[in-house]
């Protein structure tokens, strides 16, 4: 799971990625004209775009990046076989061709995928991009020293589980064929109808073997996109990108590449970023952020200022914050106890703890409320806006807890407005009304992650969240509810330890579908069916509110990322 770049201390949101998180009304910017600042003025080429971020763009190597849709800054340098559609709202949740002529041609029940490269593709040095470069780029992502990217290729490609990368195994992967310089064919272990989504990951970036210098490649990766790296300081803390003169818009329908230069400055405090964007003085007038949201207090200030409010982009990303249960731990082995807690939840107080209704949307489904995920409305245990303690007490009595219950809720001590003390306290207060005493166990970030993702250490009752690797139900439901993905030694995400043959079979059946709209409907139906077991309590989806400078134009915010797409921005 990968969230869009975000300063989590300011997420104060409800569903960060929820790239699906955009409820039924998932959409692009609501608070501003899609053309951005400058009214009807048309975007023009030229100028410098400044990016003000809290977190550095570390590991700027396509093999090591784990992004959704290729990332924001990375996709200016790295082109892939497919990419996300760069449009506002729901239209932006579609996958489209990038280096390839189409989104892929499946055969043999979607176990074989064939791509043809566009003609005339070139690197920043003018040399041609070939299918062998894409094969090599993928293979190097298997090297231990370049780990960090999405795990799907290792799981999906025949022979991928045992491959050690080209530095140790120069023979390469036989499951990736290159019949000629423009054709590449992938052979998979099992049907995967969503392979076009996977092909947006940066691991599908072409890398010329002759220019690969291992772990140092990130200092100056060879560009296939509209910009090239001219400076990379302090492991991505300062990135300067300039035009790649060999990039051609005729081969790239998605990236506008308006600015002449991109100056990425990271390591900044979130309050400083928002203050600089608010003031819009000097170079900051042509500045954006790709990882810092407005917090509740800042949003209140902005809302009262008409000019500032016109410079706020609103977005949604497929992401869900929820309560997780471990049915192996008493009393959560009893479905009635899990249902009682579901009824007792006061989502209004939870949303207030997450920053308010402008930054979080109530969730009753595990899947984000966007069409691309297959969102199917359901509320199996209706708690209303403020909880139903009477129904909760009734279920507890049926479960033999007529005198109430005492449980422990594990959460993170990070002030992230997602799994943090504020959310835990809101849940504690709500459950108290139903006769459930909640003791809070707050853990530091690393301890929290280790505990909840260890099959042997997972608590019975804890806060969790999940975000979309791409806008579909597949990477949302399979890792959490496919019994074959339970990991006994290592990071386990199937928190409910669900191993239901019918669920596993349906996941396999949906994965065979190459009609993504049909697949979405099936994912939604499966979500509704799984929801009956009360293995989670969906709480909210986050909403992103981000400022941009007064001279920034052409604001595009898709439901794929939920944040401003800098490949579309103009500053003149």
Protein backbone atom coordinates (compact mmCIF):
# COMPACT_ATOMS: atom_id res chain seq x y z
CA UNK A 1 0.00 0.00 0.00
CA UNK A 2 1.30 3.40 -0.88
CA UNK A 3 -0.18 6.70 0.20
CA UNK A 4 0.14 9.83 -1.86
CA UNK A 5 2.96 12.01 -0.66
CA UNK A 6 1.69 13.61 2.50
CA UNK A 7 2.99 15.17 5.65
CA UNK A 8 1.15 12.86 8.01
CA UNK A 9 1.43 15.28 10.87
CA UNK A 10 -0.98 17.44 8.91
CA UNK A 11 -3.17 14.79 7.42
CA UNK A 12 -5.77 15.54 9.98
CA UNK A 13 -7.69 13.73 7.45
CA UNK A 14 -9.84 10.88 7.21
CA UNK A 15 -8.52 8.78 4.57
CA UNK A 16 -5.38 10.09 3.20
CA UNK A 17 -5.15 7.85 0.30
CA UNK A 18 -8.44 6.55 0.32
CA UNK A 19 -7.61 7.18 -3.13
CA UNK A 20 -10.88 5.73 -2.97
CA UNK A 21 -11.46 7.84 -0.11
CA UNK A 22 -13.35 10.20 -2.16
CA UNK A 23 -16.83 9.31 -1.25
CA UNK A 24 -19.45 8.92 -3.86
CA UNK A 25 -18.73 12.48 -4.71
CA UNK A 26 -15.06 11.80 -5.25
CA UNK A 27 -13.79 14.61 -7.36
CA UNK A 28 -11.06 17.03 -8.15
CA UNK A 29 -10.74 20.55 -6.88
CA UNK A 30 -13.98 21.94 -5.47
CA UNK A 31 -12.66 25.14 -3.99
CA UNK A 32 -10.99 26.44 -7.11
CA UNK A 33 -11.38 26.73 -10.83
CA UNK A 34 -9.64 23.81 -12.52
CA UNK A 35 -7.60 26.33 -14.49
CA UNK A 36 -6.11 27.49 -11.24
CA UNK A 37 -5.02 30.96 -10.34
CA UNK A 38 -5.19 33.49 -13.08
CA UNK A 39 -8.82 33.04 -14.04
CA UNK A 40 -9.22 32.35 -17.75
CA UNK A 41 -5.58 32.99 -18.61
CA UNK A 42 -4.18 30.07 -20.57
CA UNK A 43 -1.18 28.21 -19.19
CA UNK A 44 2.08 28.94 -20.99
CA UNK A 45 5.50 27.37 -21.11
CA UNK A 46 8.33 28.85 -19.08
CA UNK A 47 9.31 29.85 -15.57
CA UNK A 48 10.34 27.88 -12.50
CA UNK A 49 7.97 25.79 -10.40
CA UNK A 50 9.04 25.52 -6.75
CA UNK A 51 7.93 22.49 -4.72
CA UNK A 52 7.92 22.98 -0.93
CA UNK A 53 7.84 19.65 0.91
CA UNK A 54 8.32 18.26 4.38
CA UNK A 55 9.70 14.89 3.30
CA UNK A 56 12.71 14.48 0.99
CA UNK A 57 12.38 12.53 -2.25
CA UNK A 58 14.58 9.70 -1.02
CA UNK A 59 15.67 6.70 -3.09
CA UNK A 60 15.22 8.48 -6.42
CA UNK A 61 15.82 5.24 -8.29
CA UNK A 62 12.89 3.75 -10.24
CA UNK A 63 13.65 0.32 -8.79
CA UNK A 64 13.36 1.50 -5.19
CA UNK A 65 10.34 3.79 -5.36
CA UNK A 66 6.94 2.56 -4.18
CA UNK A 67 4.36 4.90 -5.66
CA UNK A 68 0.75 5.01 -6.74
CA UNK A 69 0.48 5.68 -10.47
CA UNK A 70 4.18 6.44 -10.80
CA UNK A 71 4.29 9.15 -8.17
CA UNK A 72 4.25 12.93 -8.56
CA UNK A 73 7.81 14.24 -8.83
CA UNK A 74 9.13 10.84 -10.06
CA UNK A 75 6.75 10.77 -13.03
CA UNK A 76 8.39 13.93 -14.38
CA UNK A 77 11.59 11.93 -14.93
CA UNK A 78 10.41 8.32 -15.21
CA UNK A 79 7.99 7.19 -17.90
CA UNK A 80 6.45 3.74 -17.67
CA UNK A 81 4.53 1.37 -19.95
CA UNK A 82 1.23 2.80 -18.72
CA UNK A 83 0.35 5.73 -16.50
CA UNK A 84 -2.58 7.39 -14.76
CA UNK A 85 -4.94 9.59 -16.75
CA UNK A 86 -4.08 13.19 -15.88
CA UNK A 87 -7.62 14.55 -15.49
CA UNK A 88 -9.74 15.87 -12.66
CA UNK A 89 -11.83 13.60 -10.48
CA UNK A 90 -13.08 10.17 -11.50
CA UNK A 91 -11.75 10.45 -15.06
CA UNK A 92 -8.28 10.55 -13.54
CA UNK A 93 -8.71 7.10 -12.00
CA UNK A 94 -8.28 5.41 -15.40
CA UNK A 95 -5.09 3.79 -16.63
CA UNK A 96 -3.82 4.98 -20.04
CA UNK A 97 -0.81 4.22 -22.30
CA UNK A 98 2.52 5.94 -21.65
CA UNK A 99 5.59 4.44 -23.36
CA UNK A 100 3.34 1.75 -24.83
CA UNK A 101 0.83 2.16 -27.64
CA UNK A 102 -1.99 0.75 -25.49
CA UNK A 103 -2.63 -0.51 -21.96
CA UNK A 104 -1.58 -4.06 -22.86
CA UNK A 105 -2.96 -7.00 -24.82
CA UNK A 106 -3.89 -9.98 -22.62
CA UNK A 107 -3.99 -13.61 -23.70
CA UNK A 108 -4.23 -17.06 -22.11
CA UNK A 109 -6.71 -15.88 -19.45
CA UNK A 110 -4.67 -12.76 -18.64
CA UNK A 111 -1.54 -14.78 -17.80
CA UNK A 112 0.31 -13.30 -20.78
CA UNK A 113 0.50 -9.54 -21.43
CA UNK A 114 2.05 -8.02 -24.55
CA UNK A 115 3.09 -4.40 -25.04
CA UNK A 116 4.39 -2.51 -28.06
CA UNK A 117 6.46 0.63 -27.53
CA UNK A 118 5.77 3.86 -29.37
CA UNK A 119 8.26 4.79 -32.05
CA UNK A 120 10.69 7.65 -31.54
CA UNK A 121 11.12 7.34 -27.76
CA UNK A 122 14.44 8.73 -26.51
CA UNK A 123 16.44 9.19 -23.32
CA UNK A 124 17.85 12.52 -22.22
CA UNK A 125 21.07 11.77 -24.16
CA UNK A 126 19.20 11.16 -27.40
CA UNK A 127 19.65 7.39 -27.49
CA UNK A 128 16.55 5.30 -28.29
CA UNK A 129 14.48 3.58 -25.60
CA UNK A 130 14.05 -0.13 -26.28
CA UNK A 131 12.08 -3.03 -24.84
CA UNK A 132 15.39 -4.48 -23.55
CA UNK A 133 15.77 -1.37 -21.36
CA UNK A 134 12.37 -1.94 -19.78
CA UNK A 135 13.17 -5.61 -19.18
CA UNK A 136 16.47 -4.63 -17.56
CA UNK A 137 14.82 -1.91 -15.48
CA UNK A 138 12.36 -4.44 -14.09
CA UNK A 139 15.04 -7.06 -13.44
CA UNK A 140 17.26 -4.70 -11.47
CA UNK A 141 14.32 -4.02 -9.12
CA UNK A 142 14.77 -7.61 -7.90
CA UNK A 143 18.28 -6.88 -6.61
CA UNK A 144 18.46 -6.86 -2.81
CA UNK A 145 20.43 -3.61 -2.78
CA UNK A 146 17.65 -1.90 -4.76
CA UNK A 147 14.68 -3.18 -2.77
CA UNK A 148 11.77 -1.01 -1.71
CA UNK A 149 9.45 -1.06 -4.71
CA UNK A 150 6.02 -2.69 -5.00
CA UNK A 151 6.14 -6.49 -4.42
CA UNK A 152 3.77 -7.53 -7.20
CA UNK A 153 6.36 -8.39 -9.86
CA UNK A 154 8.04 -10.86 -7.51
CA UNK A 155 4.65 -12.44 -6.82
CA UNK A 156 3.22 -12.35 -10.35
CA UNK A 157 6.05 -13.10 -12.78
CA UNK A 158 6.95 -16.73 -13.40
CA UNK A 159 10.27 -17.31 -11.66
CA UNK A 160 10.05 -13.97 -9.86
CA UNK A 161 10.01 -15.43 -6.34
CA UNK A 162 13.52 -16.87 -6.72
CA UNK A 163 15.15 -14.28 -8.98
CA UNK A 164 17.98 -12.25 -7.39
CA UNK A 165 18.39 -9.50 -9.99
CA UNK A 166 20.88 -8.96 -12.85
CA UNK A 167 23.91 -8.28 -10.65
CA UNK A 168 23.82 -11.88 -9.36
CA UNK A 169 21.93 -13.57 -12.20
CA UNK A 170 22.94 -12.07 -15.54
CA UNK A 171 20.72 -14.52 -17.43
CA UNK A 172 17.64 -12.49 -16.51
CA UNK A 173 14.01 -13.52 -16.19
CA UNK A 174 12.76 -15.87 -18.90
CA UNK A 175 9.21 -14.75 -18.08
CA UNK A 176 9.96 -11.37 -19.70
CA UNK A 177 10.46 -11.79 -23.45
CA UNK A 178 11.67 -9.14 -25.92
CA UNK A 179 11.01 -10.43 -29.45
CA UNK A 180 12.25 -7.12 -30.88
CA UNK A 181 13.22 -3.59 -29.83
CA UNK A 182 9.60 -2.44 -29.56
CA UNK A 183 7.89 -5.51 -28.08
CA UNK A 184 7.87 -6.86 -24.53
CA UNK A 185 5.88 -9.87 -23.29
CA UNK A 186 5.18 -10.81 -19.66
CA UNK A 187 4.34 -14.37 -18.53
CA UNK A 188 2.51 -14.55 -15.20
CA UNK A 189 2.02 -17.31 -12.64
CA UNK A 190 -1.73 -16.72 -12.59
CA UNK A 191 -4.36 -14.51 -14.26
CA UNK A 192 -3.99 -10.82 -13.43
CA UNK A 193 -6.53 -8.62 -15.19
CA UNK A 194 -5.14 -5.55 -13.44
CA UNK A 195 -1.65 -5.84 -14.92
CA UNK A 196 -2.13 -2.48 -16.76
CA UNK A 197 -2.37 -0.82 -13.33
CA UNK A 198 0.84 -2.47 -12.17
CA UNK A 199 2.61 -1.24 -15.30
CA UNK A 200 2.26 2.34 -13.96
CA UNK A 201 4.77 1.56 -11.18
CA UNK A 202 8.24 3.06 -11.60
CA UNK A 203 9.78 -0.43 -11.82
CA UNK A 204 8.54 -0.38 -15.45
CA UNK A 205 10.82 2.58 -16.20
CA UNK A 206 13.43 1.86 -18.90
CA UNK A 207 17.01 1.80 -17.63
CA UNK A 208 19.94 1.60 -20.09
CA UNK A 209 22.19 -1.18 -18.83
CA UNK A 210 25.35 0.67 -19.87
CA UNK A 211 24.44 3.61 -17.61
CA UNK A 212 23.47 1.56 -14.55
CA UNK A 213 25.85 2.14 -11.64
CA UNK A 214 23.85 0.33 -8.98
CA UNK A 215 22.99 2.22 -5.81
CA UNK A 216 24.51 5.41 -7.21
CA UNK A 217 22.07 5.47 -10.13
CA UNK A 218 19.63 7.55 -8.08
CA UNK A 219 22.04 10.49 -8.13
CA UNK A 220 21.48 10.91 -11.86
CA UNK A 221 18.92 8.47 -13.27
CA UNK A 222 18.68 8.64 -17.07
CA UNK A 223 15.46 10.47 -17.87
CA UNK A 224 12.75 9.15 -20.16
CA UNK A 225 10.35 11.92 -19.13
CA UNK A 226 10.06 15.65 -19.82
CA UNK A 227 12.61 16.61 -17.12
CA UNK A 228 16.08 15.40 -16.18
CA UNK A 229 17.89 15.57 -12.83
CA UNK A 230 20.58 18.24 -12.75
CA UNK A 231 21.06 18.26 -8.98
CA UNK A 232 20.26 15.82 -6.16
CA UNK A 233 21.47 16.97 -2.75
CA UNK A 234 21.28 15.16 0.59
CA UNK A 235 19.42 12.11 -0.67
CA UNK A 236 16.58 13.98 -2.33
CA UNK A 237 16.31 16.91 0.08
CA UNK A 238 17.01 19.28 -2.83
CA UNK A 239 16.17 18.21 -6.36
CA UNK A 240 16.52 20.45 -9.39
CA UNK A 241 14.99 19.28 -12.65
CA UNK A 242 15.52 20.88 -16.05
CA UNK A 243 13.98 20.14 -19.43
CA UNK A 244 14.89 16.93 -21.21
CA UNK A 245 15.27 18.32 -24.73
CA UNK A 246 14.92 14.85 -26.26
CA UNK A 247 11.46 14.32 -24.75
CA UNK A 248 8.70 14.83 -27.28
CA UNK A 249 5.13 15.79 -26.48
CA UNK A 250 4.11 13.88 -29.61
CA UNK A 251 4.84 10.63 -27.75
CA UNK A 252 3.41 11.78 -24.40
CA UNK A 253 -0.24 12.80 -24.20
CA UNK A 254 -0.26 13.01 -20.40
CA UNK A 255 2.52 15.33 -19.19
CA UNK A 256 2.19 19.02 -20.11
CA UNK A 257 5.70 20.06 -18.98
CA UNK A 258 4.96 23.80 -18.87
CA UNK A 259 7.72 25.05 -16.50
CA UNK A 260 11.31 25.23 -17.71
CA UNK A 261 12.63 24.20 -14.31
CA UNK A 262 11.38 22.34 -11.21
CA UNK A 263 13.03 23.18 -7.87
CA UNK A 264 12.10 20.71 -5.12
CA UNK A 265 13.00 21.84 -1.58
CA UNK A 266 12.32 19.44 1.29
CA UNK A 267 12.92 19.10 5.00
CA UNK A 268 10.63 22.03 5.79
CA UNK A 269 8.23 22.28 8.71
CA UNK A 270 4.62 21.92 7.61
CA UNK A 271 3.60 25.23 9.21
CA UNK A 272 6.40 26.97 7.31
CA UNK A 273 5.28 25.42 4.04
CA UNK A 274 1.68 26.57 4.48
CA UNK A 275 2.79 30.04 5.59
CA UNK A 276 5.00 30.45 2.54
CA UNK A 277 2.27 29.26 0.19
CA UNK A 278 -0.21 31.55 1.91
CA UNK A 279 2.04 34.62 1.59
CA UNK A 280 3.08 33.77 -1.99
CA UNK A 281 6.02 36.14 -1.95
CA UNK A 282 8.76 36.00 -4.60
CA UNK A 283 9.45 32.50 -5.88
CA UNK A 284 6.76 31.14 -3.52
CA UNK A 285 4.09 32.69 -5.74
CA UNK A 286 4.92 29.90 -8.21
CA UNK A 287 5.09 27.16 -5.58
CA UNK A 288 3.11 24.04 -4.66
CA UNK A 289 3.45 21.20 -2.17
CA UNK A 290 3.11 17.51 -2.91
CA UNK A 291 3.04 16.30 0.69
CA UNK A 292 1.61 18.88 3.10
CA UNK A 293 -2.07 19.30 3.93
CA UNK A 294 -3.79 22.15 5.68
CA UNK A 295 -4.54 21.30 9.28
CA UNK A 296 -7.83 22.16 11.07
CA UNK A 297 -6.64 25.51 12.45
CA UNK A 298 -5.02 26.54 9.17
CA UNK A 299 -8.10 25.53 7.22
CA UNK A 300 -10.30 27.68 9.44
CA UNK A 301 -8.08 30.68 8.71
CA UNK A 302 -8.02 30.00 4.99
CA UNK A 303 -11.79 29.55 4.81
CA UNK A 304 -12.27 33.07 6.12
CA UNK A 305 -10.08 34.58 3.41
CA UNK A 306 -11.67 34.61 -0.05
CA UNK A 307 -8.37 34.96 -1.89
CA UNK A 308 -6.71 32.14 0.02
CA UNK A 309 -9.76 29.92 -0.29
CA UNK A 310 -9.54 30.28 -4.07
CA UNK A 311 -6.07 28.72 -3.86
CA UNK A 312 -7.01 25.51 -2.07
CA UNK A 313 -7.13 22.30 -4.03
CA UNK A 314 -9.42 19.58 -2.67
CA UNK A 315 -8.83 15.93 -3.46
CA UNK A 316 -9.62 12.38 -2.47
CA UNK A 317 -7.47 9.27 -2.60
CA UNK A 318 -8.42 5.62 -2.06
CA UNK A 319 -7.72 5.17 1.61
CA UNK A 320 -9.63 3.89 4.64
CA UNK A 321 -8.99 4.34 8.34
CA UNK A 322 -10.57 1.59 10.42
CA UNK A 323 -10.63 -0.52 13.57
CA UNK A 324 -9.19 -4.01 13.12
CA UNK A 325 -10.09 -7.09 15.18
CA UNK A 326 -8.04 -10.21 15.74
CA UNK A 327 -10.62 -13.01 16.12
CA UNK A 328 -7.98 -15.24 17.71
CA UNK A 329 -7.97 -13.01 20.77
CA UNK A 330 -10.87 -13.11 23.25
CA UNK A 331 -13.45 -11.60 23.40
CA UNK A 332 -13.10 -10.65 19.71
CA UNK A 333 -13.53 -14.28 18.68
CA UNK A 334 -17.25 -13.68 19.29
CA UNK A 335 -18.90 -11.95 16.27
CA UNK A 336 -21.49 -10.42 18.59
CA UNK A 337 -18.77 -8.51 20.46
CA UNK A 338 -17.35 -7.22 17.16
CA UNK A 339 -20.84 -6.22 16.04
CA UNK A 340 -21.53 -4.48 19.35
CA UNK A 341 -18.44 -2.30 18.93
CA UNK A 342 -19.50 -1.57 15.34
CA UNK A 343 -22.87 -0.31 16.58
CA UNK A 344 -21.33 1.72 19.40
CA UNK A 345 -18.96 3.79 17.25
CA UNK A 346 -19.61 7.54 17.19
CA UNK A 347 -18.28 8.53 13.77
CA UNK A 348 -19.00 12.21 14.36
CA UNK A 349 -16.58 12.32 17.28
CA UNK A 350 -14.03 10.29 15.34
CA UNK A 351 -14.21 12.69 12.40
CA UNK A 352 -13.85 15.65 14.73
CA UNK A 353 -10.73 13.99 16.13
CA UNK A 354 -9.47 13.56 12.57
CA UNK A 355 -9.71 17.29 11.89
CA UNK A 356 -13.38 17.81 11.11
CA UNK A 357 -15.76 17.10 8.26
CA UNK A 358 -13.72 19.15 5.79
CA UNK A 359 -10.81 16.77 6.24
CA UNK A 360 -12.56 13.45 6.79
CA UNK A 361 -15.63 11.63 5.47
CA UNK A 362 -17.48 8.95 7.41
CA UNK A 363 -16.99 5.40 6.12
CA UNK A 364 -19.23 2.37 6.58
CA UNK A 365 -17.65 0.31 3.76
CA UNK A 366 -14.12 -1.00 3.69
CA UNK A 367 -13.63 0.00 0.05
CA UNK A 368 -13.29 3.73 -0.60
CA UNK A 369 -16.42 5.37 -1.97
CA UNK A 370 -15.29 5.78 -5.58
CA UNK A 371 -16.55 4.05 -8.69
CA UNK A 372 -13.16 2.71 -9.75
CA UNK A 373 -12.94 0.69 -6.53
CA UNK A 374 -16.38 -0.77 -7.11
CA UNK A 375 -17.90 1.17 -4.20
CA UNK A 376 -21.12 -0.55 -3.16
CA UNK A 377 -22.95 1.23 -0.31
CA UNK A 378 -23.69 -0.85 2.77
CA UNK A 379 -23.97 -0.36 6.51
CA UNK A 380 -24.41 -3.74 8.15
CA UNK A 381 -24.31 -2.34 11.69
CA UNK A 382 -25.89 1.10 11.45
CA UNK A 383 -24.62 3.30 14.24
CA UNK A 384 -25.92 6.55 12.82
CA UNK A 385 -23.86 9.68 13.19
CA UNK A 386 -23.28 9.31 16.93
CA UNK A 387 -23.48 5.60 17.69
CA UNK A 388 -26.19 3.20 18.85
CA UNK A 389 -25.19 2.20 22.42
CA UNK A 390 -28.57 0.56 23.11
CA UNK A 391 -28.11 -1.94 20.27
CA UNK A 392 -24.51 -2.51 21.36
CA UNK A 393 -25.61 -3.33 24.92
CA UNK A 394 -28.24 -5.73 23.58
CA UNK A 395 -25.59 -7.66 21.60
CA UNK A 396 -23.19 -7.69 24.55
CA UNK A 397 -25.90 -9.20 26.71
CA UNK A 398 -26.50 -11.91 24.09
CA UNK A 399 -22.75 -12.57 24.15
CA UNK A 400 -22.82 -13.04 27.93
CA UNK A 401 -21.44 -9.64 28.90
CA UNK A 402 -24.53 -8.14 30.50
CA UNK A 403 -22.35 -6.32 33.01
CA UNK A 404 -20.21 -4.75 30.36
CA UNK A 405 -16.75 -5.48 29.05
CA UNK A 406 -13.19 -4.23 29.42
CA UNK A 407 -10.89 -4.26 26.39
CA UNK A 408 -7.58 -2.72 25.30
CA UNK A 409 -7.27 -0.60 22.15
CA UNK A 410 -3.77 -0.39 20.65
CA UNK A 411 -2.87 2.77 18.73
CA UNK A 412 0.12 4.78 17.60
CA UNK A 413 1.48 7.74 19.52
CA UNK A 414 2.15 9.55 16.23
CA UNK A 415 0.11 12.72 15.85
CA UNK A 416 -1.13 11.62 12.45
CA UNK A 417 -4.90 12.07 12.97
CA UNK A 418 -5.37 8.48 11.78
CA UNK A 419 -4.19 5.92 14.31
CA UNK A 420 -3.27 8.50 16.93
CA UNK A 421 -4.37 9.18 20.53
CA UNK A 422 -7.09 11.62 19.44
CA UNK A 423 -8.88 8.95 17.42
CA UNK A 424 -8.38 6.34 20.15
CA UNK A 425 -9.85 8.65 22.79
CA UNK A 426 -12.93 9.34 20.65
CA UNK A 427 -13.51 5.59 20.37
CA UNK A 428 -12.94 5.14 24.09
CA UNK A 429 -15.59 7.75 24.91
CA UNK A 430 -18.15 6.27 22.50
CA UNK A 431 -17.77 2.71 23.73
CA UNK A 432 -18.10 3.81 27.34
CA UNK A 433 -21.75 4.70 26.61
CA UNK A 434 -22.32 1.06 25.61
CA UNK A 435 -20.80 -0.30 28.82
CA UNK A 436 -17.44 -1.08 27.24
CA UNK A 437 -14.41 0.16 29.17
CA UNK A 438 -11.52 0.80 26.81
CA UNK A 439 -7.95 0.89 28.06
CA UNK A 440 -5.60 2.65 25.66
CA UNK A 441 -2.22 1.22 24.70
CA UNK A 442 -0.19 3.82 22.84
CA UNK A 443 3.02 2.70 21.16
CA UNK A 444 5.82 4.53 19.40
CA UNK A 445 5.66 4.28 15.62
CA UNK A 446 8.06 1.39 14.99
CA UNK A 447 6.80 -0.64 17.96
CA UNK A 448 3.23 -0.07 16.83
CA UNK A 449 3.91 -1.28 13.28
CA UNK A 450 5.87 -4.30 14.45
CA UNK A 451 3.14 -5.29 16.87
CA UNK A 452 0.11 -4.97 14.59
CA UNK A 453 1.83 -6.59 11.57
CA UNK A 454 3.22 -9.58 13.43
CA UNK A 455 0.99 -12.66 13.28
CA UNK A 456 2.22 -13.73 16.70
CA UNK A 457 2.02 -10.30 18.32
CA UNK A 458 -1.10 -8.79 16.75
CA UNK A 459 -3.41 -7.39 19.44
CA UNK A 460 -7.11 -8.11 19.51
CA UNK A 461 -8.34 -4.55 18.99
CA UNK A 462 -6.34 -1.81 17.24
CA UNK A 463 -6.40 1.12 14.82
CA UNK A 464 -5.27 0.56 11.24
CA UNK A 465 -5.45 2.04 7.76
CA UNK A 466 -4.99 0.94 4.17
CA UNK A 467 -4.33 2.89 0.98
CA UNK A 468 -4.53 2.02 -2.69
CA UNK A 469 -1.56 1.04 -4.83
CA UNK A 470 -3.93 1.82 -7.70
CA UNK A 471 -7.65 2.71 -7.82
CA UNK A 472 -9.21 -0.74 -7.77
CA UNK A 473 -10.66 -3.14 -5.24
CA UNK A 474 -7.93 -5.70 -5.92
CA UNK A 475 -5.00 -4.19 -4.02
CA UNK A 476 -7.48 -3.15 -1.33
CA UNK A 477 -9.26 -6.42 -0.56
CA UNK A 478 -6.73 -9.13 -1.46
CA UNK A 479 -3.93 -8.22 0.99
CA UNK A 480 -6.41 -7.83 3.85
CA UNK A 481 -8.85 -10.70 3.25
CA UNK A 482 -7.19 -13.34 1.03
CA UNK A 483 -6.33 -16.25 3.30
CA UNK A 484 -3.37 -17.22 1.12
CA UNK A 485 -1.75 -13.89 1.93
CA UNK A 486 -1.57 -14.55 5.66
CA UNK A 487 2.09 -14.22 6.61
CA UNK A 488 3.10 -16.14 9.73
CA UNK A 489 6.69 -14.91 9.81
CA UNK A 490 6.99 -11.38 8.50
CA UNK A 491 4.67 -8.45 7.82
CA UNK A 492 1.08 -9.70 7.84
CA UNK A 493 -1.79 -7.45 6.70
CA UNK A 494 -4.66 -9.97 6.84
CA UNK A 495 -5.44 -8.71 10.33
CA UNK A 496 -8.61 -10.78 10.71
CA UNK A 497 -6.80 -13.96 9.62
CA UNK A 498 -9.68 -14.59 7.24
CA UNK A 499 -9.15 -17.73 5.17
CA UNK A 500 -12.53 -18.28 3.56
CA UNK A 501 -12.49 -20.58 0.52
CA UNK A 502 -15.40 -18.73 -1.09
CA UNK A 503 -13.62 -15.37 -0.68
CA UNK A 504 -10.34 -16.74 -2.06
CA UNK A 505 -12.15 -18.29 -5.04
CA UNK A 506 -13.95 -15.03 -5.84
CA UNK A 507 -10.68 -13.08 -5.68
CA UNK A 508 -9.19 -15.49 -8.24
CA UNK A 509 -12.26 -15.17 -10.47
CA UNK A 510 -12.15 -11.36 -10.42
CA UNK A 511 -8.43 -11.36 -11.16
CA UNK A 512 -9.15 -13.10 -14.46
CA UNK A 513 -11.32 -10.21 -15.64
CA UNK A 514 -9.72 -7.75 -18.05
CA UNK A 515 -12.88 -5.63 -18.17
CA UNK A 516 -11.99 -3.36 -15.25
CA UNK A 517 -15.53 -1.96 -14.92
CA UNK A 518 -16.94 -5.47 -14.52
CA UNK A 519 -14.17 -6.29 -12.08
CA UNK A 520 -15.00 -3.19 -10.02
CA UNK A 521 -18.61 -4.31 -9.60
CA UNK A 522 -17.44 -7.72 -8.38
CA UNK A 523 -14.98 -6.16 -5.92
CA UNK A 524 -17.80 -4.04 -4.49
CA UNK A 525 -20.06 -7.05 -4.03
CA UNK A 526 -17.24 -8.95 -2.34
CA UNK A 527 -16.58 -6.05 0.02
CA UNK A 528 -20.23 -6.08 1.06
CA UNK A 529 -20.15 -9.83 1.66
CA UNK A 530 -16.95 -9.72 3.73
CA UNK A 531 -18.33 -6.79 5.72
CA UNK A 532 -21.00 -9.05 7.24
CA UNK A 533 -18.28 -10.75 9.32
CA UNK A 534 -17.44 -7.52 11.20
CA UNK A 535 -13.69 -8.09 10.97
CA UNK A 536 -13.18 -4.34 10.70
CA UNK A 537 -15.04 -1.17 11.61
CA UNK A 538 -14.56 1.39 8.80
CA UNK A 539 -14.23 4.85 10.33
CA UNK A 540 -13.41 7.49 7.73
CA UNK A 541 -11.75 8.43 4.46
CA UNK A 542 -9.39 11.44 4.39
CA UNK A 543 -9.86 14.56 2.30
CA UNK A 544 -6.84 16.53 1.12
CA UNK A 545 -6.80 20.29 1.31
CA UNK A 546 -3.65 21.90 -0.05
CA UNK A 547 -2.62 25.45 -0.80
CA UNK A 548 -0.78 26.52 -3.93
CA UNK A 549 0.90 29.80 -4.94
CA UNK A 550 -1.00 32.68 -6.52
CA UNK A 551 0.80 32.33 -9.88
CA UNK A 552 0.14 28.60 -10.25
CA UNK A 553 -2.26 27.66 -13.05
CA UNK A 554 -3.89 24.56 -14.51
CA UNK A 555 -4.76 22.72 -11.32
CA UNK A 556 -5.58 19.05 -11.93
CA UNK A 557 -6.46 16.72 -9.03
CA UNK A 558 -7.46 13.18 -9.90
CA UNK A 559 -9.12 10.50 -7.78
CA UNK A 560 -6.05 8.35 -8.41
CA UNK A 561 -3.73 10.47 -6.27
CA UNK A 562 -6.04 12.95 -4.57
CA UNK A 563 -3.38 15.66 -4.84
CA UNK A 564 -2.30 18.34 -7.31
CA UNK A 565 -0.57 16.80 -10.34
CA UNK A 566 2.57 18.82 -10.98
CA UNK A 567 2.93 17.40 -14.49
CA UNK A 568 -0.02 19.64 -15.44
CA UNK A 569 0.97 22.84 -13.62
CA UNK A 570 1.95 26.08 -15.32
CA UNK A 571 3.46 29.14 -13.62
CA UNK A 572 3.13 31.72 -16.42
